[in-house]
N, C-alpha and C. Protein backbone atom coordinates (compact mmCIF):
# COMPACT_ATOMS: atom_id res chain seq x y z
N MET A 1 25.25 -7.58 23.22
CA MET A 1 24.32 -7.88 22.14
C MET A 1 22.98 -7.21 22.45
N SER A 2 22.49 -6.44 21.52
CA SER A 2 21.25 -5.70 21.71
C SER A 2 20.05 -6.59 21.42
N THR A 3 19.02 -6.44 22.20
CA THR A 3 17.78 -7.19 21.96
C THR A 3 16.70 -6.30 21.35
N THR A 4 17.04 -5.05 21.06
CA THR A 4 16.04 -4.16 20.47
C THR A 4 15.87 -4.48 19.00
N GLN A 5 14.66 -4.39 18.55
CA GLN A 5 14.33 -4.63 17.14
C GLN A 5 14.38 -3.31 16.39
N PRO A 6 14.76 -3.35 15.10
CA PRO A 6 14.72 -2.10 14.33
C PRO A 6 13.28 -1.60 14.21
N ALA A 7 13.17 -0.30 14.13
CA ALA A 7 11.84 0.29 13.99
C ALA A 7 11.21 -0.19 12.69
N PRO A 8 9.91 -0.45 12.70
CA PRO A 8 9.26 -0.88 11.46
C PRO A 8 9.31 0.23 10.41
N LEU A 9 9.29 -0.17 9.16
CA LEU A 9 9.27 0.78 8.05
C LEU A 9 7.95 1.53 8.09
N ALA A 10 8.04 2.84 8.09
CA ALA A 10 6.83 3.65 8.12
C ALA A 10 6.10 3.50 6.80
N ALA A 11 4.85 3.15 6.89
CA ALA A 11 4.04 3.03 5.67
C ALA A 11 3.81 4.40 5.07
N PRO A 12 3.69 4.47 3.74
CA PRO A 12 3.40 5.76 3.14
C PRO A 12 2.07 6.30 3.66
N ALA A 13 1.99 7.61 3.67
CA ALA A 13 0.71 8.23 4.04
C ALA A 13 -0.37 7.66 3.15
N ALA A 14 -1.56 7.60 3.65
CA ALA A 14 -2.66 7.02 2.89
C ALA A 14 -2.91 7.85 1.64
N ASP A 15 -2.25 7.44 0.57
CA ASP A 15 -2.45 8.12 -0.72
C ASP A 15 -3.83 7.81 -1.25
N THR A 16 -4.45 8.79 -1.89
CA THR A 16 -5.64 8.49 -2.67
C THR A 16 -5.16 7.71 -3.89
N PRO A 17 -6.03 7.00 -4.58
CA PRO A 17 -5.60 6.30 -5.80
C PRO A 17 -4.92 7.24 -6.79
N GLU A 18 -5.40 8.47 -6.90
CA GLU A 18 -4.81 9.44 -7.83
C GLU A 18 -3.42 9.86 -7.37
N GLU A 19 -3.24 10.07 -6.05
CA GLU A 19 -1.94 10.46 -5.52
C GLU A 19 -0.93 9.33 -5.68
N LEU A 20 -1.35 8.09 -5.44
CA LEU A 20 -0.47 6.94 -5.60
C LEU A 20 -0.01 6.83 -7.05
N GLU A 21 -0.95 6.94 -7.97
CA GLU A 21 -0.59 6.84 -9.38
C GLU A 21 0.36 7.96 -9.78
N ALA A 22 0.11 9.17 -9.33
CA ALA A 22 0.99 10.30 -9.66
C ALA A 22 2.39 10.08 -9.08
N ARG A 23 2.47 9.56 -7.85
CA ARG A 23 3.77 9.31 -7.20
C ARG A 23 4.56 8.27 -7.97
N ILE A 24 3.90 7.18 -8.36
CA ILE A 24 4.59 6.11 -9.09
C ILE A 24 4.97 6.58 -10.49
N ARG A 25 4.08 7.27 -11.17
CA ARG A 25 4.39 7.77 -12.52
C ARG A 25 5.56 8.76 -12.49
N ARG A 26 5.65 9.55 -11.43
CA ARG A 26 6.80 10.46 -11.30
C ARG A 26 8.10 9.66 -11.19
N LYS A 27 8.08 8.58 -10.41
CA LYS A 27 9.27 7.73 -10.30
C LYS A 27 9.58 7.02 -11.62
N LEU A 28 8.56 6.73 -12.39
CA LEU A 28 8.76 6.05 -13.68
C LEU A 28 9.50 6.90 -14.70
N THR A 29 9.49 8.21 -14.52
CA THR A 29 10.20 9.05 -15.49
C THR A 29 11.69 8.73 -15.52
N ARG A 30 12.22 8.21 -14.40
CA ARG A 30 13.63 7.83 -14.35
C ARG A 30 13.86 6.37 -14.74
N GLN A 31 12.82 5.64 -15.08
CA GLN A 31 12.92 4.23 -15.45
C GLN A 31 13.10 4.16 -16.97
N ARG A 32 14.26 4.54 -17.44
CA ARG A 32 14.49 4.70 -18.88
C ARG A 32 14.42 3.39 -19.65
N PHE A 33 14.86 2.29 -19.05
CA PHE A 33 14.85 1.03 -19.78
C PHE A 33 13.42 0.60 -20.10
N MET A 34 12.49 0.82 -19.19
CA MET A 34 11.09 0.50 -19.43
C MET A 34 10.57 1.26 -20.66
N HIS A 35 10.94 2.53 -20.76
CA HIS A 35 10.50 3.33 -21.91
C HIS A 35 11.18 2.86 -23.19
N LEU A 36 12.45 2.44 -23.09
CA LEU A 36 13.18 1.96 -24.25
C LEU A 36 12.50 0.74 -24.88
N ILE A 37 12.02 -0.19 -24.04
CA ILE A 37 11.38 -1.40 -24.58
C ILE A 37 9.92 -1.16 -24.96
N GLY A 38 9.34 -0.05 -24.52
CA GLY A 38 7.97 0.28 -24.91
C GLY A 38 6.90 -0.19 -23.94
N ALA A 39 7.28 -0.50 -22.71
CA ALA A 39 6.30 -0.94 -21.72
C ALA A 39 5.62 0.25 -21.06
N ASP A 40 4.39 0.04 -20.60
CA ASP A 40 3.64 1.08 -19.91
C ASP A 40 2.87 0.45 -18.77
N LEU A 41 2.89 1.09 -17.60
CA LEU A 41 2.09 0.61 -16.48
C LEU A 41 0.63 0.95 -16.75
N THR A 42 -0.23 -0.04 -16.59
CA THR A 42 -1.65 0.15 -16.87
C THR A 42 -2.51 0.12 -15.60
N VAL A 43 -1.99 -0.51 -14.54
CA VAL A 43 -2.71 -0.58 -13.26
C VAL A 43 -1.70 -0.30 -12.16
N ILE A 44 -2.05 0.62 -11.25
CA ILE A 44 -1.21 0.93 -10.10
C ILE A 44 -2.11 0.98 -8.88
N THR A 45 -1.98 -0.01 -8.00
CA THR A 45 -2.72 -0.03 -6.74
C THR A 45 -1.75 -0.44 -5.65
N PRO A 46 -2.07 -0.22 -4.38
CA PRO A 46 -1.14 -0.58 -3.31
C PRO A 46 -0.78 -2.07 -3.36
N GLY A 47 0.50 -2.35 -3.57
CA GLY A 47 0.99 -3.73 -3.58
C GLY A 47 0.75 -4.49 -4.86
N ARG A 48 0.25 -3.84 -5.91
CA ARG A 48 -0.03 -4.53 -7.18
C ARG A 48 0.13 -3.56 -8.35
N VAL A 49 0.84 -4.04 -9.38
CA VAL A 49 1.08 -3.23 -10.57
C VAL A 49 0.95 -4.13 -11.79
N GLU A 50 0.42 -3.56 -12.88
CA GLU A 50 0.33 -4.28 -14.14
C GLU A 50 0.96 -3.42 -15.24
N ALA A 51 1.56 -4.09 -16.22
CA ALA A 51 2.17 -3.40 -17.35
C ALA A 51 1.82 -4.13 -18.63
N GLU A 52 1.83 -3.39 -19.74
CA GLU A 52 1.57 -3.98 -21.06
C GLU A 52 2.62 -3.50 -22.03
N LEU A 53 2.84 -4.33 -23.05
CA LEU A 53 3.81 -4.02 -24.09
C LEU A 53 3.33 -4.65 -25.38
N LEU A 54 3.23 -3.86 -26.44
CA LEU A 54 2.89 -4.40 -27.75
C LEU A 54 4.15 -4.98 -28.36
N LEU A 55 4.09 -6.24 -28.77
CA LEU A 55 5.27 -6.92 -29.29
C LEU A 55 5.61 -6.45 -30.71
N GLY A 56 6.87 -6.20 -30.92
CA GLY A 56 7.38 -5.84 -32.23
C GLY A 56 8.59 -6.71 -32.56
N GLU A 57 9.10 -6.57 -33.76
CA GLU A 57 10.27 -7.36 -34.15
C GLU A 57 11.46 -7.12 -33.24
N GLN A 58 11.61 -5.91 -32.73
CA GLN A 58 12.74 -5.60 -31.86
C GLN A 58 12.71 -6.37 -30.54
N HIS A 59 11.58 -6.99 -30.22
CA HIS A 59 11.44 -7.75 -28.98
C HIS A 59 11.69 -9.24 -29.16
N GLN A 60 11.96 -9.67 -30.38
CA GLN A 60 12.06 -11.10 -30.69
C GLN A 60 13.48 -11.63 -30.59
N GLN A 61 13.56 -12.92 -30.24
CA GLN A 61 14.82 -13.63 -30.34
C GLN A 61 14.88 -14.29 -31.72
N GLN A 62 15.89 -15.09 -31.99
CA GLN A 62 16.13 -15.61 -33.34
C GLN A 62 15.03 -16.50 -33.91
N ARG A 63 14.19 -17.09 -33.09
CA ARG A 63 13.10 -17.94 -33.60
C ARG A 63 11.76 -17.20 -33.68
N GLY A 64 11.77 -15.91 -33.37
CA GLY A 64 10.55 -15.12 -33.47
C GLY A 64 9.74 -15.04 -32.19
N PHE A 65 10.23 -15.66 -31.09
CA PHE A 65 9.54 -15.59 -29.80
C PHE A 65 9.94 -14.30 -29.09
N ALA A 66 9.10 -13.85 -28.15
CA ALA A 66 9.50 -12.74 -27.29
C ALA A 66 10.77 -13.16 -26.55
N HIS A 67 11.77 -12.31 -26.55
CA HIS A 67 13.05 -12.62 -25.93
C HIS A 67 12.88 -12.87 -24.44
N GLY A 68 13.58 -13.88 -23.92
CA GLY A 68 13.50 -14.20 -22.51
C GLY A 68 13.93 -13.05 -21.61
N GLY A 69 14.90 -12.27 -22.05
CA GLY A 69 15.33 -11.12 -21.28
C GLY A 69 14.25 -10.06 -21.16
N LEU A 70 13.47 -9.91 -22.22
CA LEU A 70 12.34 -8.98 -22.20
C LEU A 70 11.30 -9.45 -21.19
N ILE A 71 11.01 -10.73 -21.20
CA ILE A 71 10.02 -11.30 -20.28
C ILE A 71 10.49 -11.14 -18.84
N ALA A 72 11.77 -11.42 -18.58
CA ALA A 72 12.32 -11.25 -17.23
C ALA A 72 12.29 -9.79 -16.81
N THR A 73 12.58 -8.89 -17.74
CA THR A 73 12.53 -7.46 -17.45
C THR A 73 11.14 -7.03 -17.04
N LEU A 74 10.13 -7.49 -17.75
CA LEU A 74 8.75 -7.13 -17.40
C LEU A 74 8.37 -7.68 -16.03
N ALA A 75 8.76 -8.92 -15.74
CA ALA A 75 8.47 -9.51 -14.43
C ALA A 75 9.14 -8.70 -13.32
N ASP A 76 10.40 -8.34 -13.53
CA ASP A 76 11.15 -7.54 -12.56
C ASP A 76 10.52 -6.17 -12.38
N LEU A 77 10.12 -5.56 -13.46
CA LEU A 77 9.50 -4.23 -13.44
C LEU A 77 8.23 -4.21 -12.59
N VAL A 78 7.31 -5.14 -12.85
CA VAL A 78 6.04 -5.10 -12.13
C VAL A 78 6.19 -5.55 -10.68
N ALA A 79 7.07 -6.51 -10.42
CA ALA A 79 7.31 -6.92 -9.03
C ALA A 79 7.91 -5.76 -8.25
N GLY A 80 8.90 -5.11 -8.85
CA GLY A 80 9.55 -3.99 -8.17
C GLY A 80 8.63 -2.81 -7.93
N PHE A 81 7.89 -2.42 -8.95
CA PHE A 81 7.01 -1.27 -8.75
C PHE A 81 5.81 -1.60 -7.86
N ALA A 82 5.41 -2.86 -7.79
CA ALA A 82 4.40 -3.23 -6.80
C ALA A 82 4.94 -2.93 -5.40
N GLY A 83 6.22 -3.26 -5.20
CA GLY A 83 6.85 -2.97 -3.92
C GLY A 83 7.00 -1.48 -3.66
N VAL A 84 7.33 -0.72 -4.69
CA VAL A 84 7.50 0.73 -4.53
C VAL A 84 6.21 1.38 -4.04
N THR A 85 5.06 0.83 -4.40
CA THR A 85 3.79 1.42 -3.94
C THR A 85 3.63 1.35 -2.43
N LEU A 86 4.42 0.49 -1.77
CA LEU A 86 4.25 0.28 -0.32
C LEU A 86 5.34 0.93 0.53
N ILE A 87 6.25 1.66 -0.08
CA ILE A 87 7.33 2.28 0.69
C ILE A 87 7.18 3.80 0.64
N PRO A 88 7.77 4.49 1.63
CA PRO A 88 7.72 5.95 1.60
C PRO A 88 8.39 6.50 0.34
N ASP A 89 7.97 7.67 -0.05
CA ASP A 89 8.42 8.28 -1.30
C ASP A 89 9.93 8.48 -1.36
N ASN A 90 10.57 8.75 -0.22
CA ASN A 90 12.01 9.01 -0.22
C ASN A 90 12.86 7.74 -0.11
N PHE A 91 12.25 6.58 -0.08
CA PHE A 91 12.96 5.30 -0.05
C PHE A 91 13.08 4.77 -1.47
N GLY A 92 13.97 3.82 -1.66
CA GLY A 92 14.11 3.15 -2.94
C GLY A 92 13.96 1.65 -2.78
N LEU A 93 13.94 0.96 -3.91
CA LEU A 93 13.78 -0.49 -3.91
C LEU A 93 14.58 -1.05 -5.08
N VAL A 94 15.41 -2.06 -4.82
CA VAL A 94 16.19 -2.69 -5.88
C VAL A 94 16.02 -4.20 -5.80
N THR A 95 16.19 -4.85 -6.93
CA THR A 95 16.07 -6.30 -6.99
C THR A 95 17.29 -6.94 -6.35
N SER A 96 17.03 -7.82 -5.40
CA SER A 96 18.09 -8.59 -4.75
C SER A 96 18.19 -9.98 -5.38
N ASP A 97 17.04 -10.52 -5.78
CA ASP A 97 17.00 -11.87 -6.33
C ASP A 97 15.79 -11.97 -7.25
N LEU A 98 15.98 -12.61 -8.41
CA LEU A 98 14.88 -12.82 -9.34
C LEU A 98 14.99 -14.24 -9.88
N LYS A 99 13.92 -14.99 -9.74
CA LYS A 99 13.85 -16.36 -10.26
C LYS A 99 12.67 -16.42 -11.20
N ILE A 100 12.92 -16.84 -12.43
CA ILE A 100 11.83 -16.88 -13.41
C ILE A 100 11.76 -18.26 -14.05
N SER A 101 10.55 -18.71 -14.25
CA SER A 101 10.30 -19.97 -14.97
C SER A 101 9.53 -19.64 -16.23
N TYR A 102 10.06 -20.08 -17.37
CA TYR A 102 9.41 -19.85 -18.66
C TYR A 102 8.53 -21.06 -18.95
N LEU A 103 7.25 -20.82 -19.15
CA LEU A 103 6.28 -21.91 -19.31
C LEU A 103 5.93 -22.17 -20.77
N HIS A 104 5.90 -21.13 -21.57
CA HIS A 104 5.57 -21.22 -23.00
C HIS A 104 6.34 -20.14 -23.74
N PRO A 105 6.57 -20.33 -25.03
CA PRO A 105 7.18 -19.25 -25.81
C PRO A 105 6.20 -18.09 -25.96
N GLY A 106 6.73 -16.90 -26.01
CA GLY A 106 5.90 -15.70 -26.20
C GLY A 106 5.67 -15.45 -27.67
N ILE A 107 4.54 -15.94 -28.15
CA ILE A 107 4.16 -15.73 -29.56
C ILE A 107 2.80 -15.06 -29.54
N GLY A 108 2.74 -13.84 -30.03
CA GLY A 108 1.45 -13.15 -30.03
C GLY A 108 1.63 -11.67 -30.28
N GLN A 109 0.64 -10.91 -29.84
CA GLN A 109 0.59 -9.48 -30.12
C GLN A 109 1.00 -8.61 -28.92
N LYS A 110 0.65 -9.06 -27.70
CA LYS A 110 0.83 -8.20 -26.54
C LYS A 110 1.27 -9.01 -25.33
N LEU A 111 2.22 -8.45 -24.59
CA LEU A 111 2.60 -9.01 -23.30
C LEU A 111 1.92 -8.20 -22.20
N LYS A 112 1.45 -8.91 -21.19
CA LYS A 112 0.89 -8.28 -20.01
C LYS A 112 1.58 -8.90 -18.80
N ALA A 113 2.10 -8.05 -17.94
CA ALA A 113 2.78 -8.52 -16.73
C ALA A 113 2.02 -8.01 -15.51
N ILE A 114 1.88 -8.88 -14.53
CA ILE A 114 1.16 -8.56 -13.29
C ILE A 114 2.11 -8.87 -12.14
N GLY A 115 2.32 -7.89 -11.27
CA GLY A 115 3.20 -8.10 -10.12
C GLY A 115 2.50 -7.73 -8.83
N TRP A 116 2.83 -8.45 -7.77
CA TRP A 116 2.23 -8.17 -6.47
C TRP A 116 3.21 -8.50 -5.36
N VAL A 117 2.97 -7.90 -4.20
CA VAL A 117 3.80 -8.10 -3.02
C VAL A 117 3.17 -9.19 -2.16
N LEU A 118 3.95 -10.21 -1.86
CA LEU A 118 3.50 -11.26 -0.94
C LEU A 118 3.68 -10.83 0.51
N LYS A 119 4.87 -10.25 0.79
CA LYS A 119 5.16 -9.78 2.15
C LYS A 119 6.11 -8.60 2.06
N ALA A 120 5.70 -7.51 2.67
CA ALA A 120 6.53 -6.32 2.71
C ALA A 120 7.15 -6.20 4.09
N GLY A 121 8.47 -6.24 4.14
CA GLY A 121 9.18 -6.09 5.40
C GLY A 121 9.94 -4.78 5.46
N ARG A 122 10.64 -4.57 6.56
CA ARG A 122 11.39 -3.34 6.75
C ARG A 122 12.56 -3.25 5.79
N ARG A 123 13.23 -4.37 5.53
CA ARG A 123 14.42 -4.38 4.67
C ARG A 123 14.22 -5.15 3.37
N LEU A 124 13.32 -6.11 3.36
CA LEU A 124 13.09 -6.94 2.18
C LEU A 124 11.60 -7.04 1.88
N GLN A 125 11.30 -7.12 0.59
CA GLN A 125 9.93 -7.38 0.16
C GLN A 125 9.97 -8.64 -0.71
N PHE A 126 9.01 -9.50 -0.51
CA PHE A 126 8.91 -10.73 -1.29
C PHE A 126 7.74 -10.56 -2.26
N CYS A 127 8.05 -10.69 -3.55
CA CYS A 127 7.07 -10.38 -4.59
C CYS A 127 6.96 -11.53 -5.58
N GLU A 128 5.88 -11.53 -6.34
CA GLU A 128 5.69 -12.48 -7.43
C GLU A 128 5.21 -11.73 -8.65
N ALA A 129 5.37 -12.38 -9.81
CA ALA A 129 4.90 -11.78 -11.06
C ALA A 129 4.52 -12.89 -12.03
N GLU A 130 3.59 -12.55 -12.90
CA GLU A 130 3.22 -13.41 -14.03
C GLU A 130 3.34 -12.58 -15.29
N VAL A 131 3.75 -13.25 -16.38
CA VAL A 131 3.78 -12.59 -17.68
C VAL A 131 2.92 -13.42 -18.62
N TRP A 132 2.00 -12.73 -19.27
CA TRP A 132 1.05 -13.34 -20.19
C TRP A 132 1.33 -12.86 -21.60
N CYS A 133 1.17 -13.70 -22.58
CA CYS A 133 1.22 -13.31 -23.98
C CYS A 133 -0.16 -13.56 -24.54
N ASP A 134 -0.84 -12.50 -24.90
CA ASP A 134 -2.26 -12.57 -25.27
C ASP A 134 -2.99 -13.25 -24.11
N ASP A 135 -3.55 -14.42 -24.26
CA ASP A 135 -4.30 -15.06 -23.17
C ASP A 135 -3.59 -16.27 -22.57
N LEU A 136 -2.28 -16.38 -22.79
CA LEU A 136 -1.52 -17.55 -22.32
C LEU A 136 -0.47 -17.13 -21.31
N LEU A 137 -0.46 -17.78 -20.14
CA LEU A 137 0.57 -17.54 -19.13
C LEU A 137 1.89 -18.11 -19.65
N ILE A 138 2.88 -17.24 -19.86
CA ILE A 138 4.14 -17.72 -20.43
C ILE A 138 5.29 -17.74 -19.43
N ALA A 139 5.16 -17.05 -18.30
CA ALA A 139 6.24 -17.05 -17.31
C ALA A 139 5.70 -16.70 -15.94
N LYS A 140 6.38 -17.23 -14.93
CA LYS A 140 6.05 -16.98 -13.53
C LYS A 140 7.37 -16.65 -12.83
N ALA A 141 7.36 -15.62 -12.00
CA ALA A 141 8.59 -15.20 -11.34
C ALA A 141 8.36 -14.93 -9.86
N SER A 142 9.44 -15.09 -9.10
CA SER A 142 9.45 -14.65 -7.71
C SER A 142 10.67 -13.76 -7.55
N ALA A 143 10.52 -12.74 -6.73
CA ALA A 143 11.60 -11.77 -6.57
C ALA A 143 11.71 -11.34 -5.11
N THR A 144 12.93 -11.08 -4.71
CA THR A 144 13.20 -10.46 -3.42
C THR A 144 13.70 -9.06 -3.72
N MET A 145 13.08 -8.07 -3.11
CA MET A 145 13.44 -6.69 -3.33
C MET A 145 14.02 -6.12 -2.03
N ALA A 146 15.14 -5.41 -2.17
CA ALA A 146 15.78 -4.80 -1.00
C ALA A 146 15.37 -3.33 -0.91
N VAL A 147 14.95 -2.95 0.29
CA VAL A 147 14.55 -1.56 0.55
C VAL A 147 15.82 -0.73 0.78
N ILE A 148 15.91 0.39 0.07
CA ILE A 148 17.05 1.30 0.20
C ILE A 148 16.58 2.53 0.96
N GLU A 149 17.17 2.71 2.14
CA GLU A 149 16.79 3.85 2.98
C GLU A 149 17.45 5.12 2.46
N PRO A 150 16.80 6.26 2.67
CA PRO A 150 17.39 7.51 2.20
C PRO A 150 18.66 7.82 2.98
N LEU A 151 19.58 8.56 2.33
CA LEU A 151 20.78 9.01 3.02
C LEU A 151 20.39 10.08 4.02
N SER A 152 21.01 10.07 5.17
CA SER A 152 20.68 11.05 6.22
C SER A 152 21.04 12.44 5.82
């Protein structure tokens, strides 16, 4: 039985704010589902990401509220990309676990989601997210993200 610990995950080189935003936006080009629903990242900083979405009829469930799946998607999106800001460019990050609590129905004009990293580890990142509808907190989420190492 080995007592050696795995090497810590190398932190990304100290990106300038502009370099970090460019790196994340480049990765977002492959995030097709985010574009399909109409979400856009509005804030990108190390360990924290925000997104906004203007609500339309296509986002509603049968009673006219923002669909719960849409809200969960936004929470997952910002939690995950908050984590992506803290890993090297050639690594990936996928959701391992997502727990969401819906606090109020989403009735309004705009959704805003805020995600942040609580703890970034070598293999797992623990993140949280909030989703707001106009000025009302409508959902709170916690997520575990798994770090995907590049193929050799």
